[in-house]
Amino acid sequence: MKNRILFITMILWGVSLFSQNYLDVIRPFRGMRGISGSESGVIPASMGASNALMGNPALLSFNEKAFFAADMSYDQVAGRSVFNSMVGENPQEQNLRLNSLTYIKPIQVYRGAWVWGVNLQRVNAFSSISQFNDFDYESNPDTVFAYKYLLHEMGDMYALTAGTSVMFTMNTSIGYSISLFTGKNSTTQLYEESDPHDFYTFERFIDSLQFNPSYLGFGARVGLLSEVSENLNLGISIELPSRITVTETASSDMIEWYGDGSDSVLSHEKLSQLDYTTWGPWRIGLGLGFVANPFEASINYRYHSYSTVSLKGDLYDSETGESLENVVDDQVSSFVQDVHEFSASLLWALDPLKLSFAATLMNDPLNYRFDNIIRMDVGVGYQLRSGIGFTLAFRNEQWQSDLNHTLGSDVERSVDVENSFSNIQFGLKYIL
C-alpha cells in the first residue's frame, strides 16, 4: 500500500517543489487587469479616473472637479470540470473584498489643465477552484477506491498608484503614473483517496501541497490623448515591464486516517523560503473614442509582450544544476506567447444617470491553450446634486484551464475546466 501511495505522489506533483518554472513567472501578470467595472472600464473615451491611473493616465486631465471614490466587490469563482464530454463537479467560492479607493485633485492653472490622482486598486485576483472525482483500482479490478483531485487558488494583488496629467495644448494631454504592487497568493493541490469497500487498512488518505508566494514590486506607464476632431479621440498608452519580487514558502503532507479515528502522518515537509524576481510584459495600447452626446463609444487594442517575461535570481534546477534563469527562458520560448487584447465599450451619459457596457477578448498567454479569455462589464451610475454618487456594476470573466493527472494504475485523466469569475461592484463617489 505504501509503495502505491508513494508512486501516486511522485506522479501527482511530478517535479521538485523548488524548480520554479514559467507558470510561476507569469502568474503575477496573467489575466485581465482588475480595473473597476463600476467606472465602466472604457479605454480611452470615457474611462473613470481610477481606471485612467492604471490604463491611460492622460485621461486624468479631463476631470474638472476633485472627488473621492470607493467601491467594494462581491466575488464568486467557479470551475466546472468536463471529462470525456461529461460535466462533473462545479465547486464555487464567494468573497467580499475592497476593490478601489481613489482621490483626484485638479490644480488651478492659467491655461489648459493639470490633474493629480492617487488610487489603491485591486489589479489581479488569484481566484480559481476546480475539482474532479472518480474511481480507480490498483492491480486487481475488484479493489476499487474513490479519489478526488482538487486545485484551489486564492489571493489578490493591489496597486498603490499615483499619477498626473497635463493638457499642454487645447486638444492634447500627456500623463504618467507609477505603481507599488503588493499581494499574496495561496495555492493548494490535493489528492484524496477513500476506501468504500474496506480493501485497505485506511479509510482516507490525503496527499497535499501548499505554496504561498507573496509579491512586492513596482511599475510605470505613460499615456497620450488627443482630440483629433470634435467627435473623435485618439489614445495611446505604454506600460513598462513591472518588476515583482517574489518570496515563496511551500509545504507538503501525506496523512492516512483509520476506522478507529486514529491517523498516521506519512510525511510532513516544510521547505525553506525562496526569493526571486520576475519581470513582466511590455504593454502597448491604442484606442479610438467616438463622441455623439449623450453617447460615447470606443474600440481598443492592447499588446502584451509575454514572450519577454523573465526570472532573475540565484536559483538552480534541483535535478540538473542549471541556472533557473536559463531554464525559465527556454520554457517561456516554448510555451508562452504574446497576447492581443481587443475591447469595445459604449457609454450613455445624461446627468444624473450613466449607463455603460464593455466587452473584452484576449488570447491566453499559454500557447497550448487555444481558448480565449472573455470578459463582460455592465455598469450604472447616479450622481446627486449634493455631490454624492452611487455606482453599481456587474462583471463576468471566463477562461479555460486543465486539471490533468495520472493515477497509480497508470490511468491518465485529461480534465478540462471551464472557469468563471463574476463580481458585483458597488461604490460611492463624492464630488468635493
Protein backbone atom coordinates (compact mmCIF):
# COMPACT_ATOMS: atom_id res chain seq x y z
CA MET A 1 0.00 0.00 0.00
CA LYS A 2 2.74 2.46 0.88
CA ASN A 3 4.51 1.82 -2.45
CA ARG A 4 1.33 2.66 -4.34
CA ILE A 5 0.88 5.85 -2.38
CA LEU A 6 4.44 7.00 -2.97
CA PHE A 7 4.13 6.24 -6.67
CA ILE A 8 0.97 8.31 -6.91
CA THR A 9 2.61 11.16 -5.07
CA MET A 10 5.59 11.24 -7.41
CA ILE A 11 3.34 11.29 -10.45
CA LEU A 12 0.91 13.78 -8.96
CA TRP A 13 3.37 16.52 -8.15
CA GLY A 14 5.87 15.46 -10.80
CA VAL A 15 8.65 17.98 -10.18
CA SER A 16 10.70 19.32 -7.31
CA LEU A 17 8.90 21.97 -5.30
CA PHE A 18 11.92 24.22 -5.76
CA SER A 19 12.01 24.03 -9.57
CA GLN A 20 10.29 27.32 -10.37
CA ASN A 21 9.02 27.41 -13.94
CA TYR A 22 7.38 29.68 -16.48
CA LEU A 23 3.99 29.44 -14.73
CA ASP A 24 5.45 30.98 -11.57
CA VAL A 25 6.94 33.80 -13.61
CA ILE A 26 3.78 34.83 -15.48
CA ARG A 27 1.38 34.25 -12.54
CA PRO A 28 1.59 37.84 -11.13
CA PHE A 29 0.81 39.31 -14.58
CA ARG A 30 -1.51 36.79 -16.20
CA GLY A 31 -5.14 37.60 -16.99
CA MET A 32 -7.02 40.84 -17.35
CA ARG A 33 -6.30 43.86 -15.26
CA GLY A 34 -8.81 44.29 -12.48
CA ILE A 35 -9.83 47.87 -13.25
CA SER A 36 -13.09 48.95 -11.71
CA GLY A 37 -16.16 47.86 -13.62
CA SER A 38 -18.24 50.43 -11.73
CA GLU A 39 -16.27 53.10 -13.59
CA SER A 40 -17.20 51.42 -16.93
CA GLY A 41 -13.75 50.13 -17.92
CA VAL A 42 -13.78 52.19 -21.11
CA ILE A 43 -10.46 52.93 -22.83
CA PRO A 44 -9.94 55.71 -23.76
CA ALA A 45 -13.23 57.53 -24.42
CA SER A 46 -14.94 57.53 -21.01
CA MET A 47 -12.69 55.70 -18.60
CA GLY A 48 -13.15 56.67 -14.98
CA ALA A 49 -10.29 58.41 -13.21
CA SER A 50 -9.33 55.39 -11.09
CA ASN A 51 -9.04 53.28 -14.23
CA ALA A 52 -7.09 56.00 -16.01
CA LEU A 53 -4.29 55.73 -13.46
CA MET A 54 -3.79 52.05 -14.38
CA GLY A 55 -4.65 52.40 -18.08
CA ASN A 56 -4.01 55.70 -19.85
CA PRO A 57 -3.06 58.38 -17.29
CA ALA A 58 -3.50 61.15 -19.88
CA LEU A 59 -7.25 60.85 -19.27
CA LEU A 60 -6.86 62.42 -15.82
CA SER A 61 -6.80 65.89 -17.39
CA PHE A 62 -10.49 65.56 -18.28
CA ASN A 63 -11.51 65.69 -14.60
CA GLU A 64 -12.66 69.22 -13.81
CA LYS A 65 -13.64 68.63 -10.17
CA ALA A 66 -11.93 66.99 -7.21
CA PHE A 67 -13.58 63.85 -5.90
CA PHE A 68 -13.17 60.80 -3.69
CA ALA A 69 -14.49 57.37 -4.71
CA ALA A 70 -14.54 53.92 -3.12
CA ASP A 71 -16.08 50.59 -4.09
CA MET A 72 -16.39 47.05 -2.79
CA SER A 73 -16.68 43.81 -4.73
CA TYR A 74 -18.66 40.66 -4.03
CA ASP A 75 -16.88 37.88 -5.95
CA GLN A 76 -17.90 34.40 -6.99
CA VAL A 77 -15.48 31.98 -8.64
CA ALA A 78 -16.49 28.62 -10.11
CA GLY A 79 -14.70 25.84 -12.01
CA ARG A 80 -16.81 23.27 -13.86
CA SER A 81 -14.85 20.12 -14.76
CA VAL A 82 -15.50 18.33 -18.07
CA PHE A 83 -14.16 14.80 -18.70
CA ASN A 84 -14.95 12.83 -21.90
CA SER A 85 -17.64 15.43 -22.73
CA MET A 86 -19.32 14.74 -19.38
CA VAL A 87 -19.84 17.62 -16.95
CA GLY A 88 -18.50 16.82 -13.49
CA GLU A 89 -18.12 18.85 -10.31
CA ASN A 90 -18.78 22.59 -10.20
CA PRO A 91 -17.29 23.93 -6.93
CA GLN A 92 -17.86 27.59 -6.06
CA GLU A 93 -16.48 30.13 -3.63
CA GLN A 94 -17.64 33.61 -2.61
CA ASN A 95 -15.75 36.55 -1.06
CA LEU A 96 -16.29 40.21 -0.22
CA ARG A 97 -13.30 42.47 -0.89
CA LEU A 98 -12.22 46.08 -1.19
CA ASN A 99 -11.95 46.93 -4.86
CA SER A 100 -10.63 50.51 -5.01
CA LEU A 101 -10.09 53.86 -3.27
CA THR A 102 -9.47 56.93 -5.43
CA TYR A 103 -8.72 60.63 -4.86
CA ILE A 104 -8.50 63.06 -7.79
CA LYS A 105 -7.37 66.71 -7.46
CA PRO A 106 -7.29 69.25 -10.33
CA ILE A 107 -4.73 72.05 -9.93
CA GLN A 108 -5.68 75.56 -10.98
CA VAL A 109 -3.62 76.72 -13.95
CA TYR A 110 -3.80 79.73 -16.23
CA ARG A 111 -4.30 77.67 -19.39
CA GLY A 112 -5.04 74.03 -20.15
CA ALA A 113 -5.43 71.54 -17.31
CA TRP A 114 -3.27 69.83 -14.69
CA VAL A 115 -4.69 66.99 -12.59
CA TRP A 116 -3.17 64.71 -9.94
CA GLY A 117 -4.58 61.44 -8.66
CA VAL A 118 -3.84 58.63 -6.22
CA ASN A 119 -5.51 55.25 -6.18
CA LEU A 120 -5.45 51.95 -4.28
CA GLN A 121 -6.88 49.27 -6.51
CA ARG A 122 -7.04 45.50 -6.86
CA VAL A 123 -5.37 44.69 -10.16
CA ASN A 124 -5.21 40.89 -10.04
CA ALA A 125 -7.45 38.32 -8.36
CA PHE A 126 -5.77 34.92 -7.97
CA SER A 127 -9.11 33.15 -7.85
CA SER A 128 -9.79 29.67 -9.21
CA ILE A 129 -11.21 26.42 -7.88
CA SER A 130 -11.53 23.09 -9.69
CA GLN A 131 -12.25 19.56 -8.56
CA PHE A 132 -12.61 16.14 -10.20
CA ASN A 133 -13.97 12.97 -8.54
CA ASP A 134 -13.73 9.45 -9.97
CA PHE A 135 -12.84 5.83 -9.19
CA ASP A 136 -9.61 3.88 -9.79
CA TYR A 137 -8.16 0.49 -8.98
CA GLU A 138 -4.73 -0.94 -8.26
CA SER A 139 -3.69 -4.23 -9.90
CA ASN A 140 -6.96 -6.02 -9.14
CA PRO A 141 -10.07 -4.59 -10.85
CA ASP A 142 -12.10 -5.53 -7.78
CA THR A 143 -10.09 -3.27 -5.47
CA VAL A 144 -11.88 -0.07 -6.38
CA PHE A 145 -11.24 3.11 -4.44
CA ALA A 146 -12.69 6.60 -4.82
CA TYR A 147 -10.44 9.60 -5.31
CA LYS A 148 -10.66 13.38 -5.54
CA TYR A 149 -8.25 15.79 -7.20
CA LEU A 150 -8.53 19.45 -6.15
CA LEU A 151 -6.76 22.63 -7.23
CA HIS A 152 -7.61 25.80 -5.29
CA GLU A 153 -6.03 29.23 -5.72
CA MET A 154 -6.89 32.40 -3.84
CA GLY A 155 -5.39 35.80 -3.14
CA ASP A 156 -5.17 39.34 -4.53
CA MET A 157 -2.65 41.85 -5.78
CA TYR A 158 -3.21 45.54 -5.10
CA ALA A 159 -1.54 48.57 -6.65
CA LEU A 160 -1.00 51.89 -4.90
CA THR A 161 -0.74 54.29 -7.83
CA ALA A 162 -0.01 58.00 -8.14
CA GLY A 163 -0.09 59.92 -11.39
CA THR A 164 -0.62 63.21 -13.12
CA SER A 165 -1.78 64.54 -16.46
CA VAL A 166 -1.23 67.84 -18.22
CA MET A 167 -3.24 69.24 -21.11
CA PHE A 168 -0.46 71.18 -22.82
CA THR A 169 -2.44 72.20 -25.92
CA MET A 170 -6.14 72.77 -26.46
CA ASN A 171 -6.63 69.19 -27.64
CA THR A 172 -3.71 67.05 -26.41
CA SER A 173 -2.87 65.67 -22.96
CA ILE A 174 0.03 63.60 -21.68
CA GLY A 175 0.26 61.75 -18.39
CA TYR A 176 2.25 59.25 -16.39
CA SER A 177 1.69 57.11 -13.29
CA ILE A 178 3.78 54.86 -11.07
CA SER A 179 2.53 51.93 -9.01
CA LEU A 180 3.65 50.00 -5.97
CA PHE A 181 2.36 46.41 -6.17
CA THR A 182 1.77 44.16 -3.17
CA GLY A 183 -0.15 40.93 -2.78
CA LYS A 184 -0.29 37.30 -1.73
CA ASN A 185 -1.34 34.08 -3.39
CA SER A 186 -2.17 30.76 -1.75
CA THR A 187 -2.39 27.64 -3.91
CA THR A 188 -3.40 24.18 -2.71
CA GLN A 189 -3.12 20.96 -4.71
CA LEU A 190 -4.79 17.99 -3.06
CA TYR A 191 -5.16 14.31 -3.88
CA GLU A 192 -7.59 12.37 -1.66
CA GLU A 193 -8.45 8.66 -1.59
CA SER A 194 -11.27 6.92 0.24
CA ASP A 195 -11.81 3.17 0.57
CA PRO A 196 -15.57 2.49 0.42
CA HIS A 197 -15.15 -1.32 0.23
CA ASP A 198 -12.65 -1.81 3.09
CA PHE A 199 -9.92 -3.32 0.92
CA TYR A 200 -7.20 -1.47 2.84
CA THR A 201 -6.47 -0.70 6.46
CA PHE A 202 -7.11 3.01 5.97
CA GLU A 203 -10.38 4.83 5.36
CA ARG A 204 -8.99 8.05 3.94
CA PHE A 205 -5.67 9.21 2.54
CA ILE A 206 -4.58 12.76 1.61
CA ASP A 207 -1.52 13.95 -0.28
CA SER A 208 -1.37 17.75 -0.39
CA LEU A 209 0.92 20.53 -1.49
CA GLN A 210 0.60 24.18 -0.49
CA PHE A 211 2.73 27.02 -1.75
CA ASN A 212 2.33 30.65 -0.76
CA PRO A 213 4.11 33.34 -2.77
CA SER A 214 3.96 36.98 -1.69
CA TYR A 215 4.63 39.83 -4.11
CA LEU A 216 6.18 43.27 -3.85
CA GLY A 217 7.16 45.40 -6.83
CA PHE A 218 6.66 48.48 -8.94
CA GLY A 219 5.55 49.52 -12.41
CA ALA A 220 5.03 52.64 -14.50
CA ARG A 221 3.13 53.76 -17.57
CA VAL A 222 2.76 56.83 -19.80
CA GLY A 223 -0.15 57.91 -21.95
CA LEU A 224 -1.28 60.40 -24.56
CA LEU A 225 -4.78 61.51 -25.51
CA SER A 226 -5.54 63.77 -28.46
CA GLU A 227 -8.84 65.17 -29.67
CA VAL A 228 -8.43 64.56 -33.38
CA SER A 229 -11.74 66.28 -34.03
CA GLU A 230 -14.78 67.40 -32.06
CA ASN A 231 -16.18 63.86 -32.12
CA LEU A 232 -13.03 61.71 -32.28
CA ASN A 233 -10.36 60.98 -29.64
CA LEU A 234 -7.14 59.03 -30.07
CA GLY A 235 -5.42 57.43 -27.07
CA ILE A 236 -2.02 55.75 -26.79
CA SER A 237 -0.52 54.14 -23.67
CA ILE A 238 2.76 52.36 -22.92
CA GLU A 239 3.30 50.33 -19.75
CA LEU A 240 6.87 49.43 -18.84
CA PRO A 241 7.69 45.89 -17.64
CA SER A 242 6.79 45.61 -13.96
CA ARG A 243 9.40 44.29 -11.55
CA ILE A 244 7.95 41.94 -8.91
CA THR A 245 9.98 40.43 -6.08
CA VAL A 246 8.58 37.04 -5.04
CA THR A 247 9.03 35.44 -1.63
CA GLU A 248 7.67 31.90 -1.59
CA THR A 249 7.18 29.20 1.03
CA ALA A 250 5.84 25.68 0.48
CA SER A 251 4.84 22.60 2.45
CA SER A 252 3.61 19.08 1.67
CA ASP A 253 1.76 16.47 3.73
CA MET A 254 0.76 12.81 3.39
CA ILE A 255 -1.69 11.52 6.03
CA GLU A 256 -3.74 8.33 6.47
CA TRP A 257 -6.88 8.08 8.65
CA TYR A 258 -8.17 4.77 10.04
CA GLY A 259 -11.55 3.42 11.08
CA ASP A 260 -10.86 3.85 14.79
CA GLY A 261 -10.34 7.59 14.35
CA SER A 262 -6.53 7.50 14.55
CA ASP A 263 -4.21 8.82 11.86
CA SER A 264 -0.68 8.32 10.64
CA VAL A 265 1.46 11.16 9.23
CA LEU A 266 3.46 9.51 6.46
CA SER A 267 5.36 12.69 5.66
CA HIS A 268 5.36 16.36 6.56
CA GLU A 269 7.81 18.69 4.90
CA LYS A 270 8.22 22.44 5.17
CA LEU A 271 10.54 23.83 2.57
CA SER A 272 12.81 26.79 3.10
CA GLN A 273 11.95 30.20 1.70
CA LEU A 274 12.63 31.05 -1.94
CA ASP A 275 13.38 34.58 -3.17
CA TYR A 276 13.48 35.60 -6.81
CA THR A 277 12.42 38.44 -9.14
CA THR A 278 10.12 38.38 -12.14
CA TRP A 279 9.92 40.94 -14.93
CA GLY A 280 6.55 41.32 -16.62
CA PRO A 281 5.49 42.12 -20.19
CA TRP A 282 5.53 45.40 -22.05
CA ARG A 283 2.00 46.65 -22.70
CA ILE A 284 1.17 48.99 -25.58
CA GLY A 285 -2.40 50.24 -26.02
CA LEU A 286 -4.20 52.09 -28.78
CA GLY A 287 -7.81 53.31 -28.69
CA LEU A 288 -10.30 55.39 -30.64
CA GLY A 289 -13.18 57.15 -28.89
CA PHE A 290 -16.29 58.45 -30.64
CA VAL A 291 -18.48 61.13 -29.04
CA ALA A 292 -22.06 61.94 -30.01
CA ASN A 293 -23.85 63.27 -26.92
CA PRO A 294 -25.25 61.61 -24.88
CA PHE A 295 -23.31 58.60 -26.25
CA GLU A 296 -19.63 57.77 -26.14
CA ALA A 297 -18.11 54.64 -27.68
CA SER A 298 -14.60 53.24 -28.00
CA ILE A 299 -12.70 50.47 -29.71
CA ASN A 300 -9.34 49.48 -28.26
CA TYR A 301 -6.35 47.22 -28.75
CA ARG A 302 -3.59 46.34 -26.31
CA TYR A 303 -0.48 44.29 -26.98
CA HIS A 304 1.12 42.31 -24.11
CA SER A 305 4.67 41.05 -24.76
CA TYR A 306 4.50 37.93 -22.58
CA SER A 307 7.31 36.34 -24.60
CA THR A 308 9.74 38.75 -22.86
CA VAL A 309 8.88 37.84 -19.23
CA SER A 310 11.85 36.55 -17.26
CA LEU A 311 13.07 35.28 -13.88
CA LYS A 312 16.12 36.69 -12.09
CA GLY A 313 17.75 35.16 -9.03
CA ASP A 314 20.46 32.84 -7.74
CA LEU A 315 18.38 29.68 -8.15
CA TYR A 316 19.37 26.41 -9.78
CA ASP A 317 17.43 23.42 -11.03
CA SER A 318 17.41 20.76 -8.31
CA GLU A 319 17.97 17.93 -10.80
CA THR A 320 20.35 19.32 -13.46
CA GLY A 321 22.08 22.13 -11.55
CA GLU A 322 21.37 24.51 -14.43
CA SER A 323 20.54 28.13 -13.68
CA LEU A 324 16.77 28.58 -13.41
CA GLU A 325 17.08 31.85 -15.34
CA ASN A 326 18.12 29.84 -18.40
CA VAL A 327 15.58 27.08 -17.74
CA VAL A 328 12.72 29.55 -17.49
CA ASP A 329 13.88 31.46 -20.58
CA ASP A 330 13.74 28.22 -22.58
CA GLN A 331 10.30 27.37 -21.17
CA VAL A 332 8.95 30.84 -21.98
CA SER A 333 10.22 30.47 -25.56
CA SER A 334 8.48 27.09 -25.84
CA PHE A 335 5.18 27.60 -24.00
CA VAL A 336 4.39 31.33 -23.73
CA GLN A 337 3.08 33.61 -26.44
CA ASP A 338 2.32 37.30 -26.78
CA VAL A 339 -1.23 38.40 -26.01
CA HIS A 340 -3.56 40.51 -28.15
CA GLU A 341 -6.39 42.17 -26.25
CA PHE A 342 -9.41 43.70 -28.00
CA SER A 343 -12.20 45.64 -26.32
CA ALA A 344 -15.21 47.76 -27.20
CA SER A 345 -17.42 49.90 -24.98
CA LEU A 346 -20.49 52.08 -25.02
CA LEU A 347 -21.48 54.79 -22.53
CA TRP A 348 -24.76 56.67 -22.28
CA ALA A 349 -24.41 59.72 -20.03
CA LEU A 350 -27.23 62.16 -19.35
CA ASP A 351 -26.91 63.76 -15.93
CA PRO A 352 -27.53 62.49 -13.34
CA LEU A 353 -27.54 58.96 -14.87
CA LYS A 354 -24.80 56.97 -16.62
CA LEU A 355 -25.10 53.52 -18.21
CA SER A 356 -22.12 51.61 -19.57
CA PHE A 357 -21.30 48.36 -21.31
CA ALA A 358 -17.90 46.87 -22.26
CA ALA A 359 -16.70 43.60 -23.79
CA THR A 360 -13.11 42.35 -23.85
CA LEU A 361 -11.47 39.43 -25.67
CA MET A 362 -7.87 38.24 -25.39
CA ASN A 363 -5.93 35.08 -26.15
CA ASP A 364 -4.34 33.00 -23.40
CA PRO A 365 -0.58 33.64 -22.85
CA LEU A 366 -0.05 29.84 -22.79
CA ASN A 367 0.34 28.76 -26.40
CA TYR A 368 -1.10 25.29 -25.78
CA ARG A 369 -4.39 26.82 -24.66
CA PHE A 370 -6.49 27.62 -27.72
CA ASP A 371 -9.39 29.16 -25.82
CA ASN A 372 -9.82 32.89 -25.40
CA ILE A 373 -10.35 34.83 -22.20
CA ILE A 374 -13.65 36.74 -22.33
CA ARG A 375 -14.99 39.46 -20.06
CA MET A 376 -18.24 41.44 -19.99
CA ASP A 377 -18.90 44.58 -17.91
CA VAL A 378 -22.19 46.37 -17.27
CA GLY A 379 -22.39 49.44 -15.05
CA VAL A 380 -24.78 52.14 -13.85
CA GLY A 381 -24.02 55.37 -12.01
CA TYR A 382 -26.24 58.06 -10.46
CA GLN A 383 -24.88 61.41 -9.26
CA LEU A 384 -26.95 63.54 -6.83
CA ARG A 385 -26.78 67.32 -6.80
CA SER A 386 -25.42 67.17 -3.27
CA GLY A 387 -22.20 65.70 -4.69
CA ILE A 388 -22.81 62.12 -3.59
CA GLY A 389 -22.98 59.49 -6.33
CA PHE A 390 -23.67 55.77 -6.41
CA THR A 391 -22.25 53.13 -8.75
CA LEU A 392 -23.25 49.54 -9.38
CA ALA A 393 -21.63 47.15 -11.84
CA PHE A 394 -21.55 43.51 -12.80
CA ARG A 395 -18.55 41.70 -14.32
CA ASN A 396 -18.14 38.18 -15.65
CA GLU A 397 -14.84 36.72 -16.86
CA GLN A 398 -14.47 33.24 -18.37
CA TRP A 399 -11.43 31.16 -19.32
CA GLN A 400 -10.30 27.55 -19.74
CA SER A 401 -7.70 25.50 -17.83
CA ASP A 402 -6.59 21.89 -17.27
CA LEU A 403 -6.82 19.53 -14.32
CA ASN A 404 -4.80 16.62 -15.75
CA HIS A 405 -3.25 13.89 -13.60
CA THR A 406 -2.02 10.27 -13.69
CA LEU A 407 -3.05 7.66 -11.13
CA GLY A 408 -1.25 4.66 -9.66
CA SER A 409 -2.98 2.37 -12.16
CA ASP A 410 -1.35 4.38 -14.97
CA VAL A 411 -4.77 5.79 -15.83
CA GLU A 412 -4.46 9.29 -17.30
CA ARG A 413 -7.20 11.80 -16.72
CA SER A 414 -7.35 14.76 -19.14
CA VAL A 415 -9.89 17.03 -17.48
CA ASP A 416 -10.90 20.40 -18.91
CA VAL A 417 -12.08 23.11 -16.53
CA GLU A 418 -14.44 25.90 -17.53
CA ASN A 419 -13.62 28.76 -15.15
CA SER A 420 -15.91 31.65 -14.32
CA PHE A 421 -15.13 34.70 -12.19
CA SER A 422 -18.06 37.04 -11.50
CA ASN A 423 -18.39 40.01 -9.23
CA ILE A 424 -20.84 42.70 -8.26
CA GLN A 425 -19.19 46.04 -7.55
CA PHE A 426 -20.96 48.73 -5.56
CA GLY A 427 -19.44 52.07 -4.70
CA LEU A 428 -19.76 55.69 -3.63
CA LYS A 429 -18.39 58.83 -5.25
CA TYR A 430 -18.29 62.22 -3.57
CA ILE A 431 -17.51 65.36 -5.55
CA LEU A 432 -15.61 67.77 -3.31
